[in-house]
Amino acid sequence: MNAAGKQPPPHLERPDTLLVPTWQTKTGFAQLYNEGSENACDIRLKLTKEALTLQKQDVICVSGSDQSTNRRTVTLHRHPIGGLGLSIKGGAQHKVPVVISKIFKDQPADKTGMLFIGDALMQVNGINVENASHEEVVHLLRNAGDEVTITVHYLKDAPSFLKLPLGSPDPPSDHSSGASSPLFDSGLHLNGNISNTAPSSPSSPTVKQAKYEKRWIDALSIPLLMARISRFRVSTVKLRRNSFELLALDGISSGILQFNTAHDSADWLRAISTNINDLTLQNMKMVNKCYSMCDQIIHMGWVSEKVQGSDGSHMYKFKFLVLKGSSFYIFKTQPVSTLDWVRAEKIYNLCEVLFKVSKVWPADEIWIEENLYLNHNQTEELEDQRPYCFSVQVGNGKSHYFSVELGSDLTVWERSFQKAIFMEVQRTGSKTYVCSSQGEVVCFTVDFISGFTCFDSKSKNVIWRFKFSQLKGSSDDGKTRVKLLFQSPDTKQIEMKELEFQDLTAVLHCIHSFIAAKVASMDPMFINSQSLARKYIYNT
């Protein structure tokens, strides 16, 4: 029973989910980008319900030879018109291998059925060329006679620029210089007709001849359960263009996945995020079976928190947030056992926090920034390219600033905070704080049913009581004092009640939570009408 003498409302039923399972399956192509070397290699992506698999092309022996090695030795007979029927790129002077970049249809290289675009040359007529320059390999091949024996192996991580799409025209070159560029094709087809180029189609081998095929082979599989995504350079606010990185729960990284267009990148980002969220939902349902109705998990997931570095600059670090029962938890790593709940980095009472959407970017070409918290540094925020951000203000005037990857994530977090806070208000029924009024120690109660009550801390006698609807305004000094303006039900005059609290911010957040929950209990459309994220993302 609370100070108003009334029973709190009954506990709510188990919460309905805020997410609807919409599993995505998808296959497609991307590039694996290396920020150190600034090179990218082609990969194939395969998305399933539970994992993202990265595949790389490799040449494998499917019959007729020792399948334990990737090296192939092939003898080519130079054609009087078409030459060897291949082109090469690369060179040691540019720290890239010499790679077959084109194979011409029905020419000697194509007819062997054993050479593929992406093969790196290792030997030419017994001479090692692994560390040779582009010009040295060109010279060897052109002067090797009519019969040329080469040893190759397929380079799975060959930079994409070394392998032009088959059938594409040769890039322009300066023929007047008499030298070939290692980053352009050196054609070894003499007078071969370039316009007839086509994907290599290995001819049928003889009975004892080895048969090779180029296939996509699984290179890495990233489990999606509790995985996290980042479109930003590590610990910075700088956005990667058309790229993102997927990190598994154990820290294994996909590497930087780069796409040709912003549309492709966003499409894959949404599909992967959908499956991560759906697995999170499944995990929540399973875990909630172990908790009582009043201690259920409403939502949890990875975000990035803006923190200040030792040099005063700002950076972002991954944090795992959980809305559970009466509390808002911030973890450095995901909790995996019941003991982990007391090891959270921060724990706050849900009635005493205030969620605010800070920044919304509805589309790639525009963004809308909501200046919703005090002392907002406009110049700094303009440099911050993270498009979907929210803040959670806590006691003593402090706040946490978080970023998520998608607008849908921001909407879910906004709705989840609203629901978790409203449920906690109804479960708790009332909150009482010790404060002072006119030099006397009193107690101030916010009650979901009766409103505001002030009573003597010793005798428990009620000093004054007002309904939520009678609160007409308030002001505070930003430190400890607040003035509440109530309309008297009898005289209709405004009465001012001045109170002083040790943690004024927590009390003001609590008042906001109780009033909002009260309105939401009477107006089912209130939550949607208050959603800034939903308004900007879905109506823009």
Protein backbone atom coordinates (compact mmCIF):
# COMPACT_ATOMS: atom_id res chain seq x y z
CA MET A 1 0.00 0.00 0.00
CA ASN A 2 1.35 3.46 -0.89
CA ALA A 3 1.19 6.83 0.88
CA ALA A 4 -2.09 7.62 -0.81
CA GLY A 5 -3.64 4.58 0.88
CA LYS A 6 -4.35 2.78 -2.39
CA GLN A 7 -3.25 -0.55 -3.76
CA PRO A 8 -0.94 -0.40 -6.81
CA PRO A 9 -2.35 -1.77 -10.06
CA PRO A 10 -1.80 -5.47 -10.78
CA HIS A 11 1.30 -6.60 -12.67
CA LEU A 12 1.05 -6.61 -16.44
CA GLU A 13 1.06 -9.83 -18.41
CA ARG A 14 4.17 -11.09 -20.17
CA PRO A 15 5.09 -8.38 -22.73
CA ASP A 16 4.31 -8.84 -26.38
CA THR A 17 7.35 -8.75 -28.60
CA LEU A 18 8.32 -5.59 -30.42
CA LEU A 19 9.88 -7.57 -33.25
CA VAL A 20 8.19 -9.85 -35.76
CA PRO A 21 10.34 -12.68 -37.21
CA THR A 22 11.06 -12.00 -40.88
CA TRP A 23 13.97 -14.30 -41.72
CA GLN A 24 16.03 -13.31 -44.76
CA THR A 25 17.97 -15.63 -47.09
CA LYS A 26 20.16 -14.08 -49.73
CA THR A 27 23.16 -14.65 -51.98
CA GLY A 28 25.23 -12.10 -53.86
CA PHE A 29 28.66 -10.70 -54.56
CA ALA A 30 30.84 -8.16 -52.77
CA GLN A 31 34.48 -7.33 -52.27
CA LEU A 32 36.58 -7.97 -49.18
CA TYR A 33 38.45 -4.73 -48.61
CA ASN A 34 41.81 -4.48 -46.84
CA GLU A 35 42.22 -1.01 -45.29
CA GLY A 36 45.96 -1.54 -44.86
CA SER A 37 46.83 -2.38 -48.47
CA GLU A 38 43.71 -0.68 -49.89
CA ASN A 39 43.17 -3.75 -52.08
CA ALA A 40 39.92 -5.68 -52.46
CA CYS A 41 39.24 -9.24 -53.59
CA ASP A 42 36.00 -10.67 -54.94
CA ILE A 43 33.85 -12.76 -52.61
CA ARG A 44 30.43 -14.37 -52.67
CA LEU A 45 28.05 -13.91 -49.73
CA LYS A 46 25.50 -16.47 -48.60
CA LEU A 47 23.05 -15.38 -45.90
CA THR A 48 21.01 -17.95 -44.01
CA LYS A 49 18.81 -17.77 -40.95
CA GLU A 50 21.72 -18.25 -38.55
CA ALA A 51 24.95 -17.27 -40.35
CA LEU A 52 26.65 -15.20 -43.04
CA THR A 53 29.10 -17.26 -45.07
CA LEU A 54 31.93 -15.70 -47.08
CA GLN A 55 33.04 -17.71 -50.11
CA LYS A 56 36.17 -17.26 -52.21
CA GLN A 57 36.84 -18.67 -55.65
CA ASP A 58 39.36 -21.46 -55.93
CA VAL A 59 40.46 -23.86 -58.64
CA ILE A 60 40.16 -27.47 -57.56
CA CYS A 61 41.04 -30.75 -59.21
CA VAL A 62 37.88 -32.79 -59.52
CA SER A 63 39.37 -35.89 -61.15
CA GLY A 64 42.42 -37.50 -62.70
CA SER A 65 45.24 -36.14 -60.52
CA ASP A 66 46.53 -35.55 -57.02
CA GLN A 67 43.89 -33.33 -55.41
CA SER A 68 46.07 -32.28 -52.47
CA THR A 69 47.91 -29.49 -54.29
CA ASN A 70 46.70 -26.33 -55.94
CA ARG A 71 49.71 -26.12 -58.27
CA ARG A 72 49.17 -26.96 -61.92
CA THR A 73 51.80 -27.36 -64.61
CA VAL A 74 50.44 -26.75 -68.09
CA THR A 75 52.15 -26.92 -71.50
CA LEU A 76 50.91 -24.44 -74.12
CA HIS A 77 51.58 -24.70 -77.85
CA ARG A 78 51.82 -21.22 -79.30
CA HIS A 79 49.35 -20.62 -82.11
CA PRO A 80 50.74 -18.85 -85.18
CA ILE A 81 47.82 -16.40 -85.14
CA GLY A 82 46.47 -16.28 -81.60
CA GLY A 83 49.71 -16.76 -79.68
CA LEU A 84 49.21 -18.23 -76.19
CA GLY A 85 45.69 -16.83 -75.94
CA LEU A 86 46.02 -15.10 -72.58
CA SER A 87 46.81 -11.76 -70.98
CA ILE A 88 48.56 -11.01 -67.70
CA LYS A 89 48.62 -8.26 -65.10
CA GLY A 90 50.68 -7.43 -62.04
CA GLY A 91 54.34 -7.47 -61.11
CA ALA A 92 56.66 -7.64 -58.10
CA GLN A 93 57.60 -3.98 -58.36
CA HIS A 94 54.01 -3.16 -57.38
CA LYS A 95 53.89 -5.83 -54.66
CA VAL A 96 51.29 -7.85 -56.55
CA PRO A 97 51.78 -11.19 -58.30
CA VAL A 98 51.66 -11.68 -62.05
CA VAL A 99 48.17 -13.02 -62.68
CA ILE A 100 46.29 -14.28 -65.73
CA SER A 101 43.73 -11.54 -66.32
CA LYS A 102 42.16 -12.75 -69.58
CA ILE A 103 41.74 -16.04 -71.42
CA PHE A 104 40.63 -15.91 -75.04
CA LYS A 105 38.07 -18.38 -76.29
CA ASP A 106 39.31 -21.28 -78.45
CA GLN A 107 42.94 -20.20 -78.03
CA PRO A 108 45.70 -22.46 -76.55
CA ALA A 109 45.22 -21.37 -72.91
CA ASP A 110 41.48 -21.95 -73.13
CA LYS A 111 41.79 -25.35 -74.81
CA THR A 112 43.90 -26.80 -71.98
CA GLY A 113 40.97 -26.59 -69.59
CA MET A 114 43.54 -26.12 -66.82
CA LEU A 115 44.05 -22.35 -66.74
CA PHE A 116 41.75 -19.78 -65.17
CA ILE A 117 41.51 -16.05 -64.75
CA GLY A 118 43.10 -15.35 -61.36
CA ASP A 119 45.88 -17.94 -61.73
CA ALA A 120 49.22 -16.59 -60.47
CA LEU A 121 52.31 -17.55 -62.49
CA MET A 122 54.99 -19.37 -60.50
CA GLN A 123 57.30 -20.76 -63.20
CA VAL A 124 57.86 -20.29 -66.93
CA ASN A 125 59.84 -23.14 -68.56
CA GLY A 126 61.29 -24.02 -65.16
CA ILE A 127 62.29 -20.44 -64.28
CA ASN A 128 60.80 -19.14 -61.02
CA VAL A 129 58.83 -15.94 -61.61
CA GLU A 130 57.10 -15.54 -58.22
CA ASN A 131 59.18 -12.42 -57.49
CA ALA A 132 59.64 -11.29 -61.09
CA SER A 133 58.59 -7.95 -62.48
CA HIS A 134 55.85 -7.60 -65.05
CA GLU A 135 58.30 -6.88 -67.87
CA GLU A 136 60.45 -9.89 -66.98
CA VAL A 137 57.48 -12.28 -67.21
CA VAL A 138 56.29 -10.72 -70.47
CA HIS A 139 59.79 -11.13 -71.94
CA LEU A 140 60.01 -14.79 -70.85
CA LEU A 141 56.61 -15.70 -72.28
CA ARG A 142 57.14 -13.94 -75.59
CA ASN A 143 60.56 -15.49 -76.13
CA ALA A 144 59.93 -18.98 -74.76
CA GLY A 145 59.47 -20.62 -78.15
CA ASP A 146 56.50 -22.45 -79.59
CA GLU A 147 56.11 -24.74 -76.57
CA VAL A 148 55.74 -22.98 -73.20
CA THR A 149 55.39 -24.82 -69.89
CA ILE A 150 54.00 -22.75 -67.04
CA THR A 151 53.26 -23.58 -63.41
CA VAL A 152 50.39 -21.69 -61.78
CA HIS A 153 48.26 -21.66 -58.67
CA TYR A 154 44.94 -19.92 -58.18
CA LEU A 155 45.23 -16.75 -56.11
CA LYS A 156 42.06 -16.64 -54.01
CA ASP A 157 42.88 -13.22 -52.55
CA ALA A 158 44.01 -11.59 -55.77
CA PRO A 159 43.07 -7.89 -55.81
CA SER A 160 39.99 -7.37 -57.98
CA PHE A 161 41.75 -4.93 -60.31
CA LEU A 162 44.04 -7.74 -61.48
CA LYS A 163 41.09 -9.62 -62.96
CA LEU A 164 39.14 -7.64 -65.55
CA PRO A 165 35.64 -8.89 -66.30
CA LEU A 166 35.81 -11.35 -69.15
CA GLY A 167 34.93 -9.87 -72.50
CA SER A 168 35.78 -6.30 -71.43
CA PRO A 169 37.93 -4.22 -73.79
CA ASP A 170 41.60 -3.68 -73.09
CA PRO A 171 42.36 -0.53 -71.10
CA PRO A 172 44.17 2.21 -72.99
CA SER A 173 47.96 2.04 -72.99
CA ASP A 174 50.80 4.15 -74.33
CA HIS A 175 52.08 2.03 -77.20
CA SER A 176 54.59 4.69 -78.15
CA SER A 177 56.58 4.04 -74.99
CA GLY A 178 57.34 0.48 -76.03
CA ALA A 179 56.68 -0.67 -72.44
CA SER A 180 53.68 -2.35 -70.88
CA SER A 181 52.08 -1.28 -67.61
CA PRO A 182 51.88 -3.90 -64.84
CA LEU A 183 48.36 -2.72 -64.05
CA PHE A 184 47.22 -3.05 -67.67
CA ASP A 185 46.88 -6.27 -69.62
CA SER A 186 49.93 -7.45 -71.51
CA GLY A 187 48.35 -9.42 -74.34
CA LEU A 188 50.18 -12.61 -75.28
CA HIS A 189 47.80 -13.43 -78.09
CA LEU A 190 49.68 -11.62 -80.89
CA ASN A 191 46.99 -10.96 -83.49
CA GLY A 192 44.21 -12.65 -81.54
CA ASN A 193 40.77 -11.13 -82.02
CA ILE A 194 39.95 -9.43 -78.71
CA SER A 195 36.32 -8.93 -79.66
CA ASN A 196 35.82 -12.68 -79.49
CA THR A 197 36.76 -12.93 -75.82
CA ALA A 198 34.38 -14.91 -73.66
CA PRO A 199 34.39 -16.74 -70.34
CA SER A 200 36.85 -19.58 -70.44
CA SER A 201 35.16 -22.90 -71.07
CA PRO A 202 37.58 -25.74 -70.41
CA SER A 203 37.61 -28.34 -73.17
CA SER A 204 36.92 -31.93 -72.23
CA PRO A 205 40.11 -33.58 -70.95
CA THR A 206 41.38 -36.94 -72.06
CA VAL A 207 40.77 -39.98 -69.88
CA LYS A 208 43.94 -39.61 -67.80
CA GLN A 209 44.16 -35.83 -67.95
CA ALA A 210 43.37 -33.90 -64.80
CA LYS A 211 40.11 -31.99 -64.77
CA TYR A 212 39.93 -28.68 -62.94
CA GLU A 213 37.01 -26.46 -62.05
CA LYS A 214 36.71 -23.01 -60.56
CA ARG A 215 34.30 -23.09 -57.62
CA TRP A 216 33.15 -20.88 -54.77
CA ILE A 217 34.52 -22.41 -51.57
CA ASP A 218 33.40 -21.51 -48.03
CA ALA A 219 36.13 -19.39 -46.45
CA LEU A 220 34.48 -18.08 -43.27
CA SER A 221 31.12 -18.41 -41.55
CA ILE A 222 29.97 -15.75 -39.07
CA PRO A 223 27.23 -16.84 -36.61
CA LEU A 224 24.56 -14.14 -36.40
CA LEU A 225 23.38 -14.79 -32.83
CA MET A 226 24.33 -11.64 -30.89
CA ALA A 227 26.55 -10.49 -33.77
CA ARG A 228 27.06 -6.78 -34.34
CA ILE A 229 27.50 -4.60 -37.42
CA SER A 230 29.54 -1.45 -37.95
CA ARG A 231 29.59 0.88 -40.95
CA PHE A 232 32.22 3.08 -39.32
CA ARG A 233 35.98 3.04 -39.02
CA VAL A 234 37.06 1.56 -35.69
CA SER A 235 36.36 3.90 -32.74
CA THR A 236 35.67 6.88 -35.05
CA VAL A 237 32.71 8.82 -36.43
CA LYS A 238 33.88 8.34 -40.04
CA LEU A 239 31.46 6.44 -42.26
CA ARG A 240 32.80 3.73 -44.58
CA ARG A 241 31.43 4.27 -48.07
CA ASN A 242 29.13 1.44 -49.22
CA SER A 243 30.80 -0.87 -46.70
CA PHE A 244 30.32 -2.49 -43.32
CA GLU A 245 31.90 -5.05 -41.01
CA LEU A 246 30.17 -7.95 -39.25
CA LEU A 247 31.54 -9.08 -35.88
CA ALA A 248 30.55 -12.36 -34.24
CA LEU A 249 29.92 -12.68 -30.52
CA ASP A 250 33.42 -14.14 -30.04
CA GLY A 251 35.00 -11.19 -31.88
CA ILE A 252 35.65 -12.94 -35.21
CA SER A 253 35.33 -10.38 -38.01
CA SER A 254 34.05 -10.77 -41.55
CA GLY A 255 36.49 -8.10 -42.65
CA ILE A 256 35.22 -5.04 -44.46
CA LEU A 257 32.50 -6.00 -46.94
CA GLN A 258 32.40 -3.47 -49.77
CA PHE A 259 29.58 -3.12 -52.32
CA ASN A 260 29.28 -1.38 -55.67
CA THR A 261 26.39 0.89 -54.68
CA ALA A 262 24.83 2.39 -51.56
CA HIS A 263 21.62 0.53 -52.42
CA ASP A 264 23.38 -2.87 -52.43
CA SER A 265 25.14 -2.06 -49.16
CA ALA A 266 21.91 -0.95 -47.46
CA ASP A 267 20.04 -3.99 -48.79
CA TRP A 268 22.57 -6.42 -47.32
CA LEU A 269 22.81 -4.43 -44.10
CA ARG A 270 19.04 -4.63 -43.60
CA ALA A 271 18.89 -8.35 -44.42
CA ILE A 272 21.70 -9.26 -42.00
CA SER A 273 20.31 -6.96 -39.31
CA THR A 274 16.87 -8.56 -39.69
CA ASN A 275 18.27 -12.02 -39.02
CA ILE A 276 20.32 -10.78 -36.05
CA ASN A 277 17.21 -9.18 -34.55
CA ASP A 278 15.13 -12.30 -35.13
CA LEU A 279 17.74 -14.49 -33.43
CA THR A 280 17.81 -11.98 -30.55
CA LEU A 281 14.04 -12.31 -30.29
CA GLN A 282 14.29 -16.10 -30.13
CA ASN A 283 16.99 -15.87 -27.49
CA MET A 284 14.90 -13.42 -25.42
CA LYS A 285 11.89 -15.75 -25.49
CA MET A 286 14.01 -18.65 -24.31
CA VAL A 287 15.72 -16.66 -21.54
CA ASN A 288 12.45 -15.09 -20.33
CA LYS A 289 11.12 -18.54 -19.45
CA CYS A 290 13.59 -18.48 -16.55
CA TYR A 291 12.41 -15.13 -15.17
CA SER A 292 9.27 -14.03 -13.37
CA MET A 293 6.65 -11.85 -15.06
CA CYS A 294 8.02 -8.72 -13.39
CA ASP A 295 11.61 -9.44 -14.43
CA GLN A 296 11.21 -10.04 -18.17
CA ILE A 297 13.65 -8.82 -20.83
CA ILE A 298 11.87 -6.28 -23.05
CA HIS A 299 14.75 -5.72 -25.47
CA MET A 300 18.51 -6.15 -25.75
CA GLY A 301 21.19 -5.65 -28.36
CA TRP A 302 24.43 -4.01 -29.43
CA VAL A 303 24.88 -0.26 -29.85
CA SER A 304 27.88 2.08 -29.99
CA GLU A 305 28.40 4.53 -27.14
CA LYS A 306 30.14 7.86 -27.60
CA VAL A 307 32.92 8.21 -25.03
CA GLN A 308 35.75 10.65 -24.46
CA GLY A 309 39.29 9.45 -25.10
CA SER A 310 42.33 10.21 -22.97
CA ASP A 311 43.31 13.01 -25.37
CA GLY A 312 39.90 14.67 -25.09
CA SER A 313 38.65 13.49 -28.48
CA HIS A 314 35.44 11.52 -28.86
CA MET A 315 35.26 7.91 -30.00
CA TYR A 316 32.66 5.15 -30.10
CA LYS A 317 32.80 1.81 -28.31
CA PHE A 318 30.47 -1.18 -28.58
CA LYS A 319 28.11 -1.62 -25.64
CA PHE A 320 25.40 -4.21 -25.00
CA LEU A 321 22.15 -2.73 -23.65
CA VAL A 322 19.39 -4.62 -21.86
CA LEU A 323 15.95 -3.47 -20.72
CA LYS A 324 14.98 -6.00 -18.07
CA GLY A 325 12.41 -5.80 -15.30
CA SER A 326 12.89 -2.55 -13.41
CA SER A 327 16.37 -1.80 -14.75
CA PHE A 328 18.34 -0.48 -17.69
CA TYR A 329 21.70 -2.27 -17.99
CA ILE A 330 24.85 -1.24 -19.87
CA PHE A 331 27.41 -4.02 -20.47
CA LYS A 332 30.81 -4.10 -22.15
CA THR A 333 30.09 -7.68 -23.24
CA GLN A 334 26.91 -9.68 -23.53
CA PRO A 335 25.73 -11.32 -20.26
CA VAL A 336 25.76 -15.11 -20.59
CA SER A 337 24.89 -16.23 -17.04
CA THR A 338 22.79 -15.04 -14.10
CA LEU A 339 25.98 -13.90 -12.35
CA ASP A 340 26.68 -11.43 -15.15
CA TRP A 341 23.69 -9.24 -14.27
CA VAL A 342 25.50 -7.81 -11.24
CA ARG A 343 28.63 -7.20 -13.33
CA ALA A 344 27.04 -4.60 -15.58
CA GLU A 345 29.02 -1.45 -16.22
CA LYS A 346 25.97 0.66 -15.26
CA ILE A 347 22.51 -0.13 -13.86
CA TYR A 348 19.70 2.44 -13.72
CA ASN A 349 16.11 2.32 -12.54
CA LEU A 350 13.84 2.61 -15.58
CA CYS A 351 11.51 5.09 -13.86
CA GLU A 352 14.41 7.51 -13.47
CA VAL A 353 15.81 7.62 -17.03
CA LEU A 354 14.70 9.69 -19.99
CA PHE A 355 15.08 8.44 -23.59
CA LYS A 356 15.50 11.01 -26.35
CA VAL A 357 16.06 10.65 -30.09
CA SER A 358 19.10 12.82 -30.84
CA LYS A 359 19.67 12.39 -34.56
CA VAL A 360 17.72 10.84 -37.43
CA TRP A 361 18.94 10.43 -41.01
CA PRO A 362 15.95 9.30 -43.10
CA ALA A 363 17.89 8.84 -46.36
CA ASP A 364 21.47 8.76 -47.61
CA GLU A 365 21.30 12.23 -49.11
CA ILE A 366 19.62 14.06 -46.22
CA TRP A 367 19.71 13.96 -42.48
CA ILE A 368 17.66 15.63 -39.79
CA GLU A 369 19.20 16.47 -36.48
CA GLU A 370 17.10 16.99 -33.38
CA ASN A 371 18.86 19.25 -30.88
CA LEU A 372 17.18 17.66 -27.89
CA TYR A 373 19.63 17.95 -25.05
CA LEU A 374 21.39 20.78 -23.25
CA ASN A 375 24.80 22.18 -24.22
CA HIS A 376 24.63 20.48 -27.64
CA ASN A 377 27.83 21.11 -29.61
CA GLN A 378 26.48 21.78 -33.11
CA THR A 379 29.87 21.96 -34.88
CA GLU A 380 31.03 18.66 -33.42
CA GLU A 381 27.80 16.89 -34.32
CA LEU A 382 27.99 18.05 -37.93
CA GLU A 383 31.31 16.22 -38.16
CA ASP A 384 29.76 13.07 -36.69
CA GLN A 385 28.49 10.99 -39.61
CA ARG A 386 26.59 8.48 -37.48
CA PRO A 387 23.02 8.93 -38.69
CA TYR A 388 20.86 7.25 -36.01
CA CYS A 389 21.55 8.33 -32.44
CA PHE A 390 19.74 8.51 -29.12
CA SER A 391 20.59 9.66 -25.62
CA VAL A 392 19.53 8.25 -22.27
CA GLN A 393 19.57 10.87 -19.54
CA VAL A 394 20.09 9.50 -16.04
CA GLY A 395 20.41 10.90 -12.52
CA ASN A 396 22.56 13.86 -11.44
CA GLY A 397 22.33 15.45 -14.88
CA LYS A 398 24.42 12.77 -16.60
CA SER A 399 23.60 11.10 -19.92
CA HIS A 400 24.75 8.37 -22.30
CA TYR A 401 24.87 8.94 -26.07
CA PHE A 402 24.38 5.91 -28.32
CA SER A 403 24.44 5.17 -32.05
CA VAL A 404 22.74 2.37 -34.01
CA GLU A 405 23.18 1.31 -37.63
CA LEU A 406 19.63 1.48 -39.02
CA GLY A 407 16.58 3.66 -38.61
CA SER A 408 14.55 0.55 -37.80
CA ASP A 409 16.93 -0.15 -34.89
CA LEU A 410 16.38 3.37 -33.57
CA THR A 411 12.61 2.92 -33.79
CA VAL A 412 12.75 -0.39 -31.89
CA TRP A 413 14.91 1.08 -29.12
CA GLU A 414 12.59 4.10 -28.78
CA ARG A 415 9.50 1.91 -28.57
CA SER A 416 11.24 -0.55 -26.22
CA PHE A 417 12.25 2.16 -23.76
CA GLN A 418 8.71 3.54 -23.77
CA LYS A 419 7.19 0.14 -23.16
CA ALA A 420 9.73 -0.90 -20.50
CA ILE A 421 9.29 2.38 -18.60
CA PHE A 422 5.49 2.29 -18.79
CA MET A 423 5.40 -1.32 -17.59
CA GLU A 424 7.74 -0.53 -14.70
CA VAL A 425 5.57 2.44 -13.67
CA GLN A 426 2.48 0.24 -13.57
CA ARG A 427 4.31 -2.56 -11.74
CA THR A 428 5.79 -0.19 -9.16
CA GLY A 429 2.63 1.85 -8.67
CA SER A 430 4.42 4.63 -6.80
CA LYS A 431 7.83 6.11 -6.02
CA THR A 432 8.67 8.06 -2.86
CA TYR A 433 11.58 10.46 -2.37
CA VAL A 434 12.85 12.18 0.76
CA CYS A 435 13.16 15.94 0.26
CA SER A 436 12.85 19.23 2.13
CA SER A 437 10.15 21.89 2.05
CA GLN A 438 10.50 25.17 3.92
CA GLY A 439 13.32 23.70 5.98
CA GLU A 440 11.36 20.60 7.01
CA VAL A 441 12.14 17.02 5.98
CA VAL A 442 9.17 15.64 4.05
CA CYS A 443 8.40 12.81 1.64
CA PHE A 444 7.20 13.30 -1.91
CA THR A 445 5.30 10.46 -3.63
CA VAL A 446 4.41 10.06 -7.29
CA ASP A 447 1.54 7.58 -7.54
CA PHE A 448 0.19 6.08 -10.77
CA ILE A 449 -3.43 6.29 -9.53
CA SER A 450 -3.65 9.29 -7.19
CA GLY A 451 -0.94 11.61 -8.56
CA PHE A 452 1.31 13.69 -6.26
CA THR A 453 1.36 13.52 -2.46
CA CYS A 454 3.56 15.31 0.07
CA PHE A 455 3.51 14.01 3.65
CA ASP A 456 5.43 14.43 6.90
CA SER A 457 8.35 12.01 7.14
CA LYS A 458 7.67 11.22 10.81
CA SER A 459 3.92 11.40 11.36
CA LYS A 460 3.03 10.35 7.77
CA ASN A 461 0.32 13.01 7.78
CA VAL A 462 -0.54 14.26 4.29
CA ILE A 463 0.48 17.89 3.76
CA TRP A 464 -0.96 18.26 0.26
CA ARG A 465 -2.17 16.10 -2.62
CA PHE A 466 -2.87 16.83 -6.29
CA LYS A 467 -3.86 14.81 -9.34
CA PHE A 468 -1.68 14.60 -12.45
CA SER A 469 -4.21 16.74 -14.33
CA GLN A 470 -3.79 19.54 -11.77
CA LEU A 471 -0.08 20.02 -12.54
CA LYS A 472 0.02 23.14 -14.74
CA GLY A 473 3.73 23.85 -14.91
CA SER A 474 7.11 23.62 -13.25
CA SER A 475 10.53 25.24 -13.11
CA ASP A 476 13.83 24.27 -11.54
CA ASP A 477 17.28 25.70 -10.90
CA GLY A 478 19.04 22.81 -12.65
CA LYS A 479 20.58 21.71 -9.36
CA THR A 480 18.35 20.71 -6.42
CA ARG A 481 15.24 22.94 -6.29
CA VAL A 482 11.99 22.61 -8.21
CA LYS A 483 8.77 24.62 -8.16
CA LEU A 484 5.59 22.72 -9.01
CA LEU A 485 2.52 24.74 -10.04
CA PHE A 486 -0.83 23.12 -9.24
CA GLN A 487 -4.36 24.35 -9.80
CA SER A 488 -6.47 24.15 -6.65
CA PRO A 489 -9.68 22.13 -7.25
CA ASP A 490 -11.61 24.47 -4.95
CA THR A 491 -10.39 27.99 -5.70
CA LYS A 492 -9.04 27.27 -9.22
CA GLN A 493 -6.04 29.35 -8.19
CA ILE A 494 -2.46 28.31 -8.95
CA GLU A 495 -0.55 27.10 -5.91
CA MET A 496 3.25 26.84 -5.95
CA LYS A 497 4.97 24.03 -4.06
CA GLU A 498 8.75 24.32 -3.73
CA LEU A 499 10.78 21.22 -2.94
CA GLU A 500 14.50 20.44 -2.72
CA PHE A 501 15.94 17.03 -3.66
CA GLN A 502 19.37 15.48 -3.48
CA ASP A 503 19.03 14.10 -7.05
CA LEU A 504 16.58 16.42 -8.76
CA THR A 505 17.15 14.96 -12.25
CA ALA A 506 16.03 11.48 -11.17
CA VAL A 507 12.85 12.91 -9.61
CA LEU A 508 11.98 14.95 -12.71
CA HIS A 509 12.50 11.89 -14.93
CA CYS A 510 10.27 9.88 -12.59
CA ILE A 511 7.51 12.51 -12.81
CA HIS A 512 7.80 12.47 -16.61
CA SER A 513 7.62 8.64 -16.67
CA PHE A 514 4.52 8.47 -14.48
CA ILE A 515 2.64 11.18 -16.37
CA ALA A 516 3.50 9.63 -19.76
CA ALA A 517 2.48 6.16 -18.54
CA LYS A 518 -0.79 7.58 -17.22
CA VAL A 519 -1.60 9.21 -20.56
CA ALA A 520 -0.62 6.04 -22.45
CA SER A 521 -2.95 3.96 -20.27
CA MET A 522 -5.87 6.17 -21.34
CA ASP A 523 -4.85 6.78 -24.98
CA PRO A 524 -3.58 3.70 -26.91
CA MET A 525 -2.33 5.96 -29.73
CA PHE A 526 -0.12 8.02 -27.42
CA ILE A 527 3.04 5.92 -27.88
CA ASN A 528 2.97 6.09 -31.67
CA SER A 529 2.19 9.81 -31.63
CA GLN A 530 5.29 10.44 -29.50
CA SER A 531 7.70 8.46 -31.71
CA LEU A 532 10.15 10.88 -33.32
CA ALA A 533 12.13 8.11 -35.00
CA ARG A 534 9.02 6.59 -36.56
CA LYS A 535 7.80 10.01 -37.71
CA TYR A 536 11.01 10.97 -39.52
CA ILE A 537 11.96 7.57 -40.93
CA TYR A 538 8.58 6.45 -42.23
CA ASN A 539 7.06 9.79 -43.20
CA THR A 540 10.05 11.27 -45.04
